[in-house]
mmCIF file of all heavy atoms, coordinates in Angstrom:
data_MODEL
# 
_entry.id   MODEL 
# 
loop_
_atom_site.group_PDB 
_atom_site.id 
_atom_site.type_symbol 
_atom_site.label_atom_id 
_atom_site.label_alt_id 
_atom_site.label_comp_id 
_atom_site.label_asym_id 
_atom_site.label_entity_id 
_atom_site.label_seq_id 
_atom_site.pdbx_PDB_ins_code 
_atom_site.Cartn_x 
_atom_site.Cartn_y 
_atom_site.Cartn_z 
_atom_site.occupancy 
_atom_site.B_iso_or_equiv 
_atom_site.pdbx_formal_charge 
_atom_site.auth_seq_id 
_atom_site.auth_comp_id 
_atom_site.auth_asym_id 
_atom_site.auth_atom_id 
_atom_site.pdbx_PDB_model_num 
ATOM 1   N N   . ARG A 1 1  ? 6.813   3.431   0.209   1.00 0.00 ? 1  ARG A N   1 
ATOM 2   C CA  . ARG A 1 1  ? 7.418   4.666   0.720   1.00 0.00 ? 1  ARG A CA  1 
ATOM 3   C C   . ARG A 1 1  ? 6.361   5.761   0.666   1.00 0.00 ? 1  ARG A C   1 
ATOM 4   O O   . ARG A 1 1  ? 5.466   5.732   -0.189  1.00 0.00 ? 1  ARG A O   1 
ATOM 5   C CB  . ARG A 1 1  ? 8.641   5.064   -0.110  1.00 0.00 ? 1  ARG A CB  1 
ATOM 6   C CG  . ARG A 1 1  ? 8.341   5.372   -1.575  1.00 0.00 ? 1  ARG A CG  1 
ATOM 7   C CD  . ARG A 1 1  ? 9.625   5.556   -2.358  1.00 0.00 ? 1  ARG A CD  1 
ATOM 8   N NE  . ARG A 1 1  ? 9.353   5.747   -3.787  1.00 0.00 ? 1  ARG A NE  1 
ATOM 9   C CZ  . ARG A 1 1  ? 10.248  5.554   -4.748  1.00 0.00 ? 1  ARG A CZ  1 
ATOM 10  N NH1 . ARG A 1 1  ? 11.490  5.162   -4.448  1.00 0.00 ? 1  ARG A NH1 1 
ATOM 11  N NH2 . ARG A 1 1  ? 9.934   5.745   -6.013  1.00 0.00 ? 1  ARG A NH2 1 
ATOM 12  N N   . PRO A 1 2  ? 6.431   6.749   1.564   1.00 0.00 ? 2  PRO A N   1 
ATOM 13  C CA  . PRO A 1 2  ? 5.459   7.843   1.549   1.00 0.00 ? 2  PRO A CA  1 
ATOM 14  C C   . PRO A 1 2  ? 5.572   8.652   0.265   1.00 0.00 ? 2  PRO A C   1 
ATOM 15  O O   . PRO A 1 2  ? 6.616   8.649   -0.394  1.00 0.00 ? 2  PRO A O   1 
ATOM 16  C CB  . PRO A 1 2  ? 5.847   8.689   2.769   1.00 0.00 ? 2  PRO A CB  1 
ATOM 17  C CG  . PRO A 1 2  ? 6.714   7.814   3.601   1.00 0.00 ? 2  PRO A CG  1 
ATOM 18  C CD  . PRO A 1 2  ? 7.406   6.883   2.651   1.00 0.00 ? 2  PRO A CD  1 
ATOM 19  N N   . HIS A 1 3  ? 4.482   9.336   -0.089  1.00 0.00 ? 3  HIS A N   1 
ATOM 20  C CA  . HIS A 1 3  ? 4.503   10.197  -1.271  1.00 0.00 ? 3  HIS A CA  1 
ATOM 21  C C   . HIS A 1 3  ? 3.994   11.577  -0.900  1.00 0.00 ? 3  HIS A C   1 
ATOM 22  O O   . HIS A 1 3  ? 3.033   11.719  -0.127  1.00 0.00 ? 3  HIS A O   1 
ATOM 23  C CB  . HIS A 1 3  ? 3.646   9.611   -2.395  1.00 0.00 ? 3  HIS A CB  1 
ATOM 24  C CG  . HIS A 1 3  ? 3.944   10.207  -3.723  1.00 0.00 ? 3  HIS A CG  1 
ATOM 25  N ND1 . HIS A 1 3  ? 3.393   11.400  -4.153  1.00 0.00 ? 3  HIS A ND1 1 
ATOM 26  C CD2 . HIS A 1 3  ? 4.771   9.808   -4.724  1.00 0.00 ? 3  HIS A CD2 1 
ATOM 27  C CE1 . HIS A 1 3  ? 3.853   11.691  -5.350  1.00 0.00 ? 3  HIS A CE1 1 
ATOM 28  N NE2 . HIS A 1 3  ? 4.685   10.740  -5.727  1.00 0.00 ? 3  HIS A NE2 1 
ATOM 29  N N   . ALA A 1 4  ? 4.623   12.592  -1.488  1.00 0.00 ? 4  ALA A N   1 
ATOM 30  C CA  . ALA A 1 4  ? 4.350   13.975  -1.093  1.00 0.00 ? 4  ALA A CA  1 
ATOM 31  C C   . ALA A 1 4  ? 2.956   14.462  -1.474  1.00 0.00 ? 4  ALA A C   1 
ATOM 32  O O   . ALA A 1 4  ? 2.476   15.444  -0.907  1.00 0.00 ? 4  ALA A O   1 
ATOM 33  C CB  . ALA A 1 4  ? 5.400   14.900  -1.708  1.00 0.00 ? 4  ALA A CB  1 
ATOM 34  N N   . LEU A 1 5  ? 2.282   13.818  -2.405  1.00 0.00 ? 5  LEU A N   1 
ATOM 35  C CA  . LEU A 1 5  ? 0.984   14.318  -2.855  1.00 0.00 ? 5  LEU A CA  1 
ATOM 36  C C   . LEU A 1 5  ? -0.105  14.231  -1.791  1.00 0.00 ? 5  LEU A C   1 
ATOM 37  O O   . LEU A 1 5  ? -1.053  15.013  -1.802  1.00 0.00 ? 5  LEU A O   1 
ATOM 38  C CB  . LEU A 1 5  ? 0.537   13.564  -4.116  1.00 0.00 ? 5  LEU A CB  1 
ATOM 39  C CG  . LEU A 1 5  ? 1.083   14.099  -5.436  1.00 0.00 ? 5  LEU A CG  1 
ATOM 40  C CD1 . LEU A 1 5  ? 0.674   13.187  -6.589  1.00 0.00 ? 5  LEU A CD1 1 
ATOM 41  C CD2 . LEU A 1 5  ? 0.597   15.520  -5.690  1.00 0.00 ? 5  LEU A CD2 1 
ATOM 42  N N   . SER A 1 6  ? 0.010   13.281  -0.888  1.00 0.00 ? 6  SER A N   1 
ATOM 43  C CA  . SER A 1 6  ? -1.010  13.136  0.152   1.00 0.00 ? 6  SER A CA  1 
ATOM 44  C C   . SER A 1 6  ? -0.400  12.478  1.379   1.00 0.00 ? 6  SER A C   1 
ATOM 45  O O   . SER A 1 6  ? 0.415   11.550  1.253   1.00 0.00 ? 6  SER A O   1 
ATOM 46  C CB  . SER A 1 6  ? -2.183  12.285  -0.353  1.00 0.00 ? 6  SER A CB  1 
ATOM 47  O OG  . SER A 1 6  ? -3.097  12.032  0.699   1.00 0.00 ? 6  SER A OG  1 
ATOM 48  N N   . PRO A 1 7  ? -0.785  12.915  2.574   1.00 0.00 ? 7  PRO A N   1 
ATOM 49  C CA  . PRO A 1 7  ? -0.261  12.275  3.788   1.00 0.00 ? 7  PRO A CA  1 
ATOM 50  C C   . PRO A 1 7  ? -0.710  10.832  3.955   1.00 0.00 ? 7  PRO A C   1 
ATOM 51  O O   . PRO A 1 7  ? -0.122  10.094  4.751   1.00 0.00 ? 7  PRO A O   1 
ATOM 52  C CB  . PRO A 1 7  ? -0.808  13.165  4.919   1.00 0.00 ? 7  PRO A CB  1 
ATOM 53  C CG  . PRO A 1 7  ? -1.968  13.888  4.334   1.00 0.00 ? 7  PRO A CG  1 
ATOM 54  C CD  . PRO A 1 7  ? -1.649  14.067  2.882   1.00 0.00 ? 7  PRO A CD  1 
ATOM 55  N N   . THR A 1 8  ? -1.738  10.419  3.216   1.00 0.00 ? 8  THR A N   1 
ATOM 56  C CA  . THR A 1 8  ? -2.216  9.029   3.322   1.00 0.00 ? 8  THR A CA  1 
ATOM 57  C C   . THR A 1 8  ? -1.642  8.133   2.224   1.00 0.00 ? 8  THR A C   1 
ATOM 58  O O   . THR A 1 8  ? -1.951  6.944   2.192   1.00 0.00 ? 8  THR A O   1 
ATOM 59  C CB  . THR A 1 8  ? -3.749  8.984   3.244   1.00 0.00 ? 8  THR A CB  1 
ATOM 60  O OG1 . THR A 1 8  ? -4.183  9.573   2.002   1.00 0.00 ? 8  THR A OG1 1 
ATOM 61  C CG2 . THR A 1 8  ? -4.383  9.728   4.406   1.00 0.00 ? 8  THR A CG2 1 
ATOM 62  N N   . ALA A 1 9  ? -0.823  8.681   1.323   1.00 0.00 ? 9  ALA A N   1 
ATOM 63  C CA  . ALA A 1 9  ? -0.369  7.934   0.147   1.00 0.00 ? 9  ALA A CA  1 
ATOM 64  C C   . ALA A 1 9  ? 0.919   7.167   0.419   1.00 0.00 ? 9  ALA A C   1 
ATOM 65  O O   . ALA A 1 9  ? 1.888   7.713   0.948   1.00 0.00 ? 9  ALA A O   1 
ATOM 66  C CB  . ALA A 1 9  ? -0.166  8.879   -1.031  1.00 0.00 ? 9  ALA A CB  1 
ATOM 67  N N   . LEU A 1 10 ? 0.917   5.895   0.041   1.00 0.00 ? 10 LEU A N   1 
ATOM 68  C CA  . LEU A 1 10 ? 2.116   5.066   0.031   1.00 0.00 ? 10 LEU A CA  1 
ATOM 69  C C   . LEU A 1 10 ? 2.347   4.582   -1.396  1.00 0.00 ? 10 LEU A C   1 
ATOM 70  O O   . LEU A 1 10 ? 1.430   4.026   -2.014  1.00 0.00 ? 10 LEU A O   1 
ATOM 71  C CB  . LEU A 1 10 ? 1.962   3.860   0.959   1.00 0.00 ? 10 LEU A CB  1 
ATOM 72  C CG  . LEU A 1 10 ? 1.834   4.124   2.463   1.00 0.00 ? 10 LEU A CG  1 
ATOM 73  C CD1 . LEU A 1 10 ? 1.592   2.806   3.195   1.00 0.00 ? 10 LEU A CD1 1 
ATOM 74  C CD2 . LEU A 1 10 ? 3.075   4.821   3.006   1.00 0.00 ? 10 LEU A CD2 1 
ATOM 75  N N   . GLU A 1 11 ? 3.543   4.788   -1.913  1.00 0.00 ? 11 GLU A N   1 
ATOM 76  C CA  . GLU A 1 11 ? 3.893   4.265   -3.237  1.00 0.00 ? 11 GLU A CA  1 
ATOM 77  C C   . GLU A 1 11 ? 4.522   2.889   -3.071  1.00 0.00 ? 11 GLU A C   1 
ATOM 78  O O   . GLU A 1 11 ? 5.458   2.715   -2.284  1.00 0.00 ? 11 GLU A O   1 
ATOM 79  C CB  . GLU A 1 11 ? 4.869   5.198   -3.945  1.00 0.00 ? 11 GLU A CB  1 
ATOM 80  C CG  . GLU A 1 11 ? 5.250   4.715   -5.338  1.00 0.00 ? 11 GLU A CG  1 
ATOM 81  C CD  . GLU A 1 11 ? 6.199   5.648   -6.065  1.00 0.00 ? 11 GLU A CD  1 
ATOM 82  O OE1 . GLU A 1 11 ? 6.562   6.694   -5.488  1.00 0.00 ? 11 GLU A OE1 1 
ATOM 83  O OE2 . GLU A 1 11 ? 6.575   5.327   -7.209  1.00 0.00 ? 11 GLU A OE2 1 
ATOM 84  N N   . VAL A 1 12 ? 4.008   1.927   -3.798  1.00 0.00 ? 12 VAL A N   1 
ATOM 85  C CA  . VAL A 1 12 ? 4.535   0.563   -3.721  1.00 0.00 ? 12 VAL A CA  1 
ATOM 86  C C   . VAL A 1 12 ? 5.790   0.475   -4.587  1.00 0.00 ? 12 VAL A C   1 
ATOM 87  O O   . VAL A 1 12 ? 5.740   0.740   -5.788  1.00 0.00 ? 12 VAL A O   1 
ATOM 88  C CB  . VAL A 1 12 ? 3.490   -0.466  -4.181  1.00 0.00 ? 12 VAL A CB  1 
ATOM 89  C CG1 . VAL A 1 12 ? 4.063   -1.875  -4.110  1.00 0.00 ? 12 VAL A CG1 1 
ATOM 90  C CG2 . VAL A 1 12 ? 2.229   -0.365  -3.322  1.00 0.00 ? 12 VAL A CG2 1 
ATOM 91  N N   . VAL A 1 13 ? 6.897   0.101   -3.983  1.00 0.00 ? 13 VAL A N   1 
ATOM 92  C CA  . VAL A 1 13 ? 8.159   0.008   -4.718  1.00 0.00 ? 13 VAL A CA  1 
ATOM 93  C C   . VAL A 1 13 ? 8.579   -1.438  -4.957  1.00 0.00 ? 13 VAL A C   1 
ATOM 94  O O   . VAL A 1 13 ? 9.464   -1.700  -5.776  1.00 0.00 ? 13 VAL A O   1 
ATOM 95  C CB  . VAL A 1 13 ? 9.281   0.780   -3.989  1.00 0.00 ? 13 VAL A CB  1 
ATOM 96  C CG1 . VAL A 1 13 ? 8.960   2.267   -3.974  1.00 0.00 ? 13 VAL A CG1 1 
ATOM 97  C CG2 . VAL A 1 13 ? 9.489   0.276   -2.570  1.00 0.00 ? 13 VAL A CG2 1 
ATOM 98  N N   . ALA A 1 14 ? 7.935   -2.387  -4.284  1.00 0.00 ? 14 ALA A N   1 
ATOM 99  C CA  . ALA A 1 14 ? 8.210   -3.814  -4.513  1.00 0.00 ? 14 ALA A CA  1 
ATOM 100 C C   . ALA A 1 14 ? 7.043   -4.626  -3.957  1.00 0.00 ? 14 ALA A C   1 
ATOM 101 O O   . ALA A 1 14 ? 6.454   -4.264  -2.936  1.00 0.00 ? 14 ALA A O   1 
ATOM 102 C CB  . ALA A 1 14 ? 9.512   -4.242  -3.844  1.00 0.00 ? 14 ALA A CB  1 
ATOM 103 N N   . GLY A 1 15 ? 6.718   -5.697  -4.665  1.00 0.00 ? 15 GLY A N   1 
ATOM 104 C CA  . GLY A 1 15 ? 5.664   -6.597  -4.194  1.00 0.00 ? 15 GLY A CA  1 
ATOM 105 C C   . GLY A 1 15 ? 4.256   -6.148  -4.511  1.00 0.00 ? 15 GLY A C   1 
ATOM 106 O O   . GLY A 1 15 ? 3.305   -6.548  -3.826  1.00 0.00 ? 15 GLY A O   1 
ATOM 107 N N   . ALA A 1 16 ? 4.079   -5.363  -5.582  1.00 0.00 ? 16 ALA A N   1 
ATOM 108 C CA  . ALA A 1 16 ? 2.749   -4.830  -5.909  1.00 0.00 ? 16 ALA A CA  1 
ATOM 109 C C   . ALA A 1 16 ? 1.719   -5.936  -6.119  1.00 0.00 ? 16 ALA A C   1 
ATOM 110 O O   . ALA A 1 16 ? 0.541   -5.770  -5.765  1.00 0.00 ? 16 ALA A O   1 
ATOM 111 C CB  . ALA A 1 16 ? 2.832   -3.946  -7.146  1.00 0.00 ? 16 ALA A CB  1 
ATOM 112 N N   . ARG A 1 17 ? 2.135   -7.043  -6.681  1.00 0.00 ? 17 ARG A N   1 
ATOM 113 C CA  . ARG A 1 17 ? 1.185   -8.118  -6.963  1.00 0.00 ? 17 ARG A CA  1 
ATOM 114 C C   . ARG A 1 17 ? 0.741   -8.840  -5.688  1.00 0.00 ? 17 ARG A C   1 
ATOM 115 O O   . ARG A 1 17 ? -0.168  -9.669  -5.726  1.00 0.00 ? 17 ARG A O   1 
ATOM 116 C CB  . ARG A 1 17 ? 1.790   -9.110  -7.960  1.00 0.00 ? 17 ARG A CB  1 
ATOM 117 C CG  . ARG A 1 17 ? 2.137   -8.470  -9.307  1.00 0.00 ? 17 ARG A CG  1 
ATOM 118 C CD  . ARG A 1 17 ? 2.560   -9.508  -10.339 1.00 0.00 ? 17 ARG A CD  1 
ATOM 119 N NE  . ARG A 1 17 ? 3.171   -8.888  -11.510 1.00 0.00 ? 17 ARG A NE  1 
ATOM 120 C CZ  . ARG A 1 17 ? 2.512   -8.348  -12.520 1.00 0.00 ? 17 ARG A CZ  1 
ATOM 121 N NH1 . ARG A 1 17 ? 1.201   -8.345  -12.502 1.00 0.00 ? 17 ARG A NH1 1 
ATOM 122 N NH2 . ARG A 1 17 ? 3.156   -7.811  -13.547 1.00 0.00 ? 17 ARG A NH2 1 
ATOM 123 N N   . ARG A 1 18 ? 1.359   -8.533  -4.556  1.00 0.00 ? 18 ARG A N   1 
ATOM 124 C CA  . ARG A 1 18 ? 0.976   -9.173  -3.296  1.00 0.00 ? 18 ARG A CA  1 
ATOM 125 C C   . ARG A 1 18 ? -0.027  -8.347  -2.505  1.00 0.00 ? 18 ARG A C   1 
ATOM 126 O O   . ARG A 1 18 ? -0.516  -8.813  -1.469  1.00 0.00 ? 18 ARG A O   1 
ATOM 127 C CB  . ARG A 1 18 ? 2.223   -9.397  -2.432  1.00 0.00 ? 18 ARG A CB  1 
ATOM 128 C CG  . ARG A 1 18 ? 3.264   -10.305 -3.066  1.00 0.00 ? 18 ARG A CG  1 
ATOM 129 C CD  . ARG A 1 18 ? 4.473   -10.445 -2.162  1.00 0.00 ? 18 ARG A CD  1 
ATOM 130 N NE  . ARG A 1 18 ? 5.517   -11.250 -2.787  1.00 0.00 ? 18 ARG A NE  1 
ATOM 131 C CZ  . ARG A 1 18 ? 6.716   -11.463 -2.269  1.00 0.00 ? 18 ARG A CZ  1 
ATOM 132 N NH1 . ARG A 1 18 ? 7.021   -10.904 -1.100  1.00 0.00 ? 18 ARG A NH1 1 
ATOM 133 N NH2 . ARG A 1 18 ? 7.603   -12.201 -2.891  1.00 0.00 ? 18 ARG A NH2 1 
ATOM 134 N N   . VAL A 1 19 ? -0.312  -7.142  -2.956  1.00 0.00 ? 19 VAL A N   1 
ATOM 135 C CA  . VAL A 1 19 ? -1.179  -6.261  -2.167  1.00 0.00 ? 19 VAL A CA  1 
ATOM 136 C C   . VAL A 1 19 ? -2.525  -6.905  -1.899  1.00 0.00 ? 19 VAL A C   1 
ATOM 137 O O   . VAL A 1 19 ? -3.013  -6.942  -0.755  1.00 0.00 ? 19 VAL A O   1 
ATOM 138 C CB  . VAL A 1 19 ? -1.365  -4.901  -2.881  1.00 0.00 ? 19 VAL A CB  1 
ATOM 139 C CG1 . VAL A 1 19 ? -2.469  -4.086  -2.202  1.00 0.00 ? 19 VAL A CG1 1 
ATOM 140 C CG2 . VAL A 1 19 ? -0.065  -4.116  -2.890  1.00 0.00 ? 19 VAL A CG2 1 
ATOM 141 N N   . HIS A 1 20 ? -3.182  -7.432  -2.954  1.00 0.00 ? 20 HIS A N   1 
ATOM 142 C CA  . HIS A 1 20 ? -4.518  -8.012  -2.783  1.00 0.00 ? 20 HIS A CA  1 
ATOM 143 C C   . HIS A 1 20 ? -4.512  -9.251  -1.886  1.00 0.00 ? 20 HIS A C   1 
ATOM 144 O O   . HIS A 1 20 ? -5.562  -9.634  -1.359  1.00 0.00 ? 20 HIS A O   1 
ATOM 145 C CB  . HIS A 1 20 ? -5.118  -8.373  -4.146  1.00 0.00 ? 20 HIS A CB  1 
ATOM 146 C CG  . HIS A 1 20 ? -5.708  -7.201  -4.865  1.00 0.00 ? 20 HIS A CG  1 
ATOM 147 N ND1 . HIS A 1 20 ? -5.087  -6.600  -5.935  1.00 0.00 ? 20 HIS A ND1 1 
ATOM 148 C CD2 . HIS A 1 20 ? -6.847  -6.505  -4.654  1.00 0.00 ? 20 HIS A CD2 1 
ATOM 149 C CE1 . HIS A 1 20 ? -5.835  -5.590  -6.354  1.00 0.00 ? 20 HIS A CE1 1 
ATOM 150 N NE2 . HIS A 1 20 ? -6.908  -5.510  -5.597  1.00 0.00 ? 20 HIS A NE2 1 
ATOM 151 N N   . LEU A 1 21 ? -3.359  -9.876  -1.714  1.00 0.00 ? 21 LEU A N   1 
ATOM 152 C CA  . LEU A 1 21 ? -3.264  -11.071 -0.891  1.00 0.00 ? 21 LEU A CA  1 
ATOM 153 C C   . LEU A 1 21 ? -2.899  -10.749 0.550   1.00 0.00 ? 21 LEU A C   1 
ATOM 154 O O   . LEU A 1 21 ? -2.883  -11.642 1.391   1.00 0.00 ? 21 LEU A O   1 
ATOM 155 C CB  . LEU A 1 21 ? -2.212  -12.021 -1.483  1.00 0.00 ? 21 LEU A CB  1 
ATOM 156 C CG  . LEU A 1 21 ? -2.428  -12.458 -2.938  1.00 0.00 ? 21 LEU A CG  1 
ATOM 157 C CD1 . LEU A 1 21 ? -1.255  -13.308 -3.405  1.00 0.00 ? 21 LEU A CD1 1 
ATOM 158 C CD2 . LEU A 1 21 ? -3.735  -13.218 -3.076  1.00 0.00 ? 21 LEU A CD2 1 
ATOM 159 N N   . SER A 1 22 ? -2.610  -9.493  0.834   1.00 0.00 ? 22 SER A N   1 
ATOM 160 C CA  . SER A 1 22 ? -2.125  -9.120  2.160   1.00 0.00 ? 22 SER A CA  1 
ATOM 161 C C   . SER A 1 22 ? -3.270  -9.006  3.164   1.00 0.00 ? 22 SER A C   1 
ATOM 162 O O   . SER A 1 22 ? -4.406  -8.686  2.822   1.00 0.00 ? 22 SER A O   1 
ATOM 163 C CB  . SER A 1 22 ? -1.366  -7.793  2.090   1.00 0.00 ? 22 SER A CB  1 
ATOM 164 O OG  . SER A 1 22 ? -2.265  -6.715  1.829   1.00 0.00 ? 22 SER A OG  1 
ATOM 165 N N   . ARG A 1 23 ? -2.941  -9.232  4.437   1.00 0.00 ? 23 ARG A N   1 
ATOM 166 C CA  . ARG A 1 23 ? -3.926  -9.060  5.501   1.00 0.00 ? 23 ARG A CA  1 
ATOM 167 C C   . ARG A 1 23 ? -4.257  -7.581  5.677   1.00 0.00 ? 23 ARG A C   1 
ATOM 168 O O   . ARG A 1 23 ? -5.389  -7.222  6.025   1.00 0.00 ? 23 ARG A O   1 
ATOM 169 C CB  . ARG A 1 23 ? -3.391  -9.660  6.811   1.00 0.00 ? 23 ARG A CB  1 
ATOM 170 C CG  . ARG A 1 23 ? -3.346  -11.184 6.813   1.00 0.00 ? 23 ARG A CG  1 
ATOM 171 C CD  . ARG A 1 23 ? -2.931  -11.715 8.172   1.00 0.00 ? 23 ARG A CD  1 
ATOM 172 N NE  . ARG A 1 23 ? -3.854  -11.318 9.228   1.00 0.00 ? 23 ARG A NE  1 
ATOM 173 C CZ  . ARG A 1 23 ? -4.992  -11.928 9.510   1.00 0.00 ? 23 ARG A CZ  1 
ATOM 174 N NH1 . ARG A 1 23 ? -5.357  -12.990 8.790   1.00 0.00 ? 23 ARG A NH1 1 
ATOM 175 N NH2 . ARG A 1 23 ? -5.755  -11.513 10.493  1.00 0.00 ? 23 ARG A NH2 1 
ATOM 176 N N   . ALA A 1 24 ? -3.282  -6.724  5.424   1.00 0.00 ? 24 ALA A N   1 
ATOM 177 C CA  . ALA A 1 24 ? -3.518  -5.283  5.541   1.00 0.00 ? 24 ALA A CA  1 
ATOM 178 C C   . ALA A 1 24 ? -4.639  -4.843  4.601   1.00 0.00 ? 24 ALA A C   1 
ATOM 179 O O   . ALA A 1 24 ? -5.490  -4.022  4.962   1.00 0.00 ? 24 ALA A O   1 
ATOM 180 C CB  . ALA A 1 24 ? -2.239  -4.512  5.253   1.00 0.00 ? 24 ALA A CB  1 
ATOM 181 N N   . PHE A 1 25 ? -4.648  -5.410  3.396   1.00 0.00 ? 25 PHE A N   1 
ATOM 182 C CA  . PHE A 1 25 ? -5.708  -5.089  2.432   1.00 0.00 ? 25 PHE A CA  1 
ATOM 183 C C   . PHE A 1 25 ? -7.031  -5.723  2.875   1.00 0.00 ? 25 PHE A C   1 
ATOM 184 O O   . PHE A 1 25 ? -8.071  -5.065  2.871   1.00 0.00 ? 25 PHE A O   1 
ATOM 185 C CB  . PHE A 1 25 ? -5.315  -5.590  1.044   1.00 0.00 ? 25 PHE A CB  1 
ATOM 186 C CG  . PHE A 1 25 ? -6.342  -5.314  -0.016  1.00 0.00 ? 25 PHE A CG  1 
ATOM 187 C CD1 . PHE A 1 25 ? -6.432  -4.072  -0.612  1.00 0.00 ? 25 PHE A CD1 1 
ATOM 188 C CD2 . PHE A 1 25 ? -7.240  -6.306  -0.415  1.00 0.00 ? 25 PHE A CD2 1 
ATOM 189 C CE1 . PHE A 1 25 ? -7.398  -3.807  -1.588  1.00 0.00 ? 25 PHE A CE1 1 
ATOM 190 C CE2 . PHE A 1 25 ? -8.196  -6.062  -1.380  1.00 0.00 ? 25 PHE A CE2 1 
ATOM 191 C CZ  . PHE A 1 25 ? -8.272  -4.802  -1.965  1.00 0.00 ? 25 PHE A CZ  1 
ATOM 192 N N   . ALA A 1 26 ? -6.986  -6.995  3.267   1.00 0.00 ? 26 ALA A N   1 
ATOM 193 C CA  . ALA A 1 26 ? -8.213  -7.697  3.661   1.00 0.00 ? 26 ALA A CA  1 
ATOM 194 C C   . ALA A 1 26 ? -8.875  -7.056  4.872   1.00 0.00 ? 26 ALA A C   1 
ATOM 195 O O   . ALA A 1 26 ? -10.105 -7.077  5.010   1.00 0.00 ? 26 ALA A O   1 
ATOM 196 C CB  . ALA A 1 26 ? -7.891  -9.161  3.950   1.00 0.00 ? 26 ALA A CB  1 
ATOM 197 N N   . GLU A 1 27 ? -8.087  -6.451  5.743   1.00 0.00 ? 27 GLU A N   1 
ATOM 198 C CA  . GLU A 1 27 ? -8.617  -5.851  6.966   1.00 0.00 ? 27 GLU A CA  1 
ATOM 199 C C   . GLU A 1 27 ? -8.965  -4.380  6.804   1.00 0.00 ? 27 GLU A C   1 
ATOM 200 O O   . GLU A 1 27 ? -9.329  -3.714  7.783   1.00 0.00 ? 27 GLU A O   1 
ATOM 201 C CB  . GLU A 1 27 ? -7.609  -6.040  8.098   1.00 0.00 ? 27 GLU A CB  1 
ATOM 202 C CG  . GLU A 1 27 ? -7.415  -7.499  8.490   1.00 0.00 ? 27 GLU A CG  1 
ATOM 203 C CD  . GLU A 1 27 ? -6.292  -7.704  9.494   1.00 0.00 ? 27 GLU A CD  1 
ATOM 204 O OE1 . GLU A 1 27 ? -5.733  -6.680  9.976   1.00 0.00 ? 27 GLU A OE1 1 
ATOM 205 O OE2 . GLU A 1 27 ? -5.969  -8.860  9.797   1.00 0.00 ? 27 GLU A OE2 1 
ATOM 206 N N   . GLY A 1 28 ? -8.853  -3.855  5.581   1.00 0.00 ? 28 GLY A N   1 
ATOM 207 C CA  . GLY A 1 28 ? -9.272  -2.485  5.323   1.00 0.00 ? 28 GLY A CA  1 
ATOM 208 C C   . GLY A 1 28 ? -8.271  -1.417  5.694   1.00 0.00 ? 28 GLY A C   1 
ATOM 209 O O   . GLY A 1 28 ? -8.611  -0.222  5.716   1.00 0.00 ? 28 GLY A O   1 
ATOM 210 N N   . LEU A 1 29 ? -7.029  -1.804  5.970   1.00 0.00 ? 29 LEU A N   1 
ATOM 211 C CA  . LEU A 1 29 ? -6.007  -0.815  6.318   1.00 0.00 ? 29 LEU A CA  1 
ATOM 212 C C   . LEU A 1 29 ? -5.571  0.007   5.111   1.00 0.00 ? 29 LEU A C   1 
ATOM 213 O O   . LEU A 1 29 ? -5.130  1.153   5.255   1.00 0.00 ? 29 LEU A O   1 
ATOM 214 C CB  . LEU A 1 29 ? -4.784  -1.506  6.935   1.00 0.00 ? 29 LEU A CB  1 
ATOM 215 C CG  . LEU A 1 29 ? -4.974  -2.105  8.324   1.00 0.00 ? 29 LEU A CG  1 
ATOM 216 C CD1 . LEU A 1 29 ? -3.767  -2.943  8.706   1.00 0.00 ? 29 LEU A CD1 1 
ATOM 217 C CD2 . LEU A 1 29 ? -5.191  -1.003  9.339   1.00 0.00 ? 29 LEU A CD2 1 
# 
Protein backbone atom coordinates (compact mmCIF):
# COMPACT_ATOMS: atom_id res chain seq x y z
CA ARG A 1 0.00 0.00 0.00
CA PRO A 2 1.24 3.57 -0.59
CA HIS A 3 2.81 5.46 2.30
CA ALA A 4 2.50 9.17 2.99
CA LEU A 5 6.20 9.75 3.72
CA SER A 6 7.22 9.54 0.07
CA PRO A 7 5.42 9.28 -3.28
CA THR A 8 7.75 6.39 -4.20
CA ALA A 9 7.16 4.40 -0.98
CA LEU A 10 5.17 1.18 -0.83
CA GLU A 11 4.64 -0.54 2.53
CA VAL A 12 4.58 -4.32 2.28
CA VAL A 13 1.56 -5.68 4.14
CA ALA A 14 1.84 -9.34 3.06
CA GLY A 15 4.42 -11.52 1.35
CA ALA A 16 7.54 -9.64 2.50
CA ARG A 17 9.69 -12.74 2.23
CA ARG A 18 8.81 -13.02 -1.47
CA VAL A 19 10.16 -9.61 -2.46
CA HIS A 20 13.68 -10.84 -3.29
CA LEU A 21 12.21 -13.65 -5.40
CA SER A 22 9.94 -11.37 -7.42
CA ARG A 23 10.54 -10.35 -11.03
CA ALA A 24 9.75 -6.77 -10.05
CA PHE A 25 12.80 -6.80 -7.77
CA ALA A 26 15.02 -8.65 -10.26
CA GLU A 27 14.14 -6.15 -13.00
CA GLY A 28 14.93 -3.11 -10.87
CA LEU A 29 11.37 -1.87 -10.44
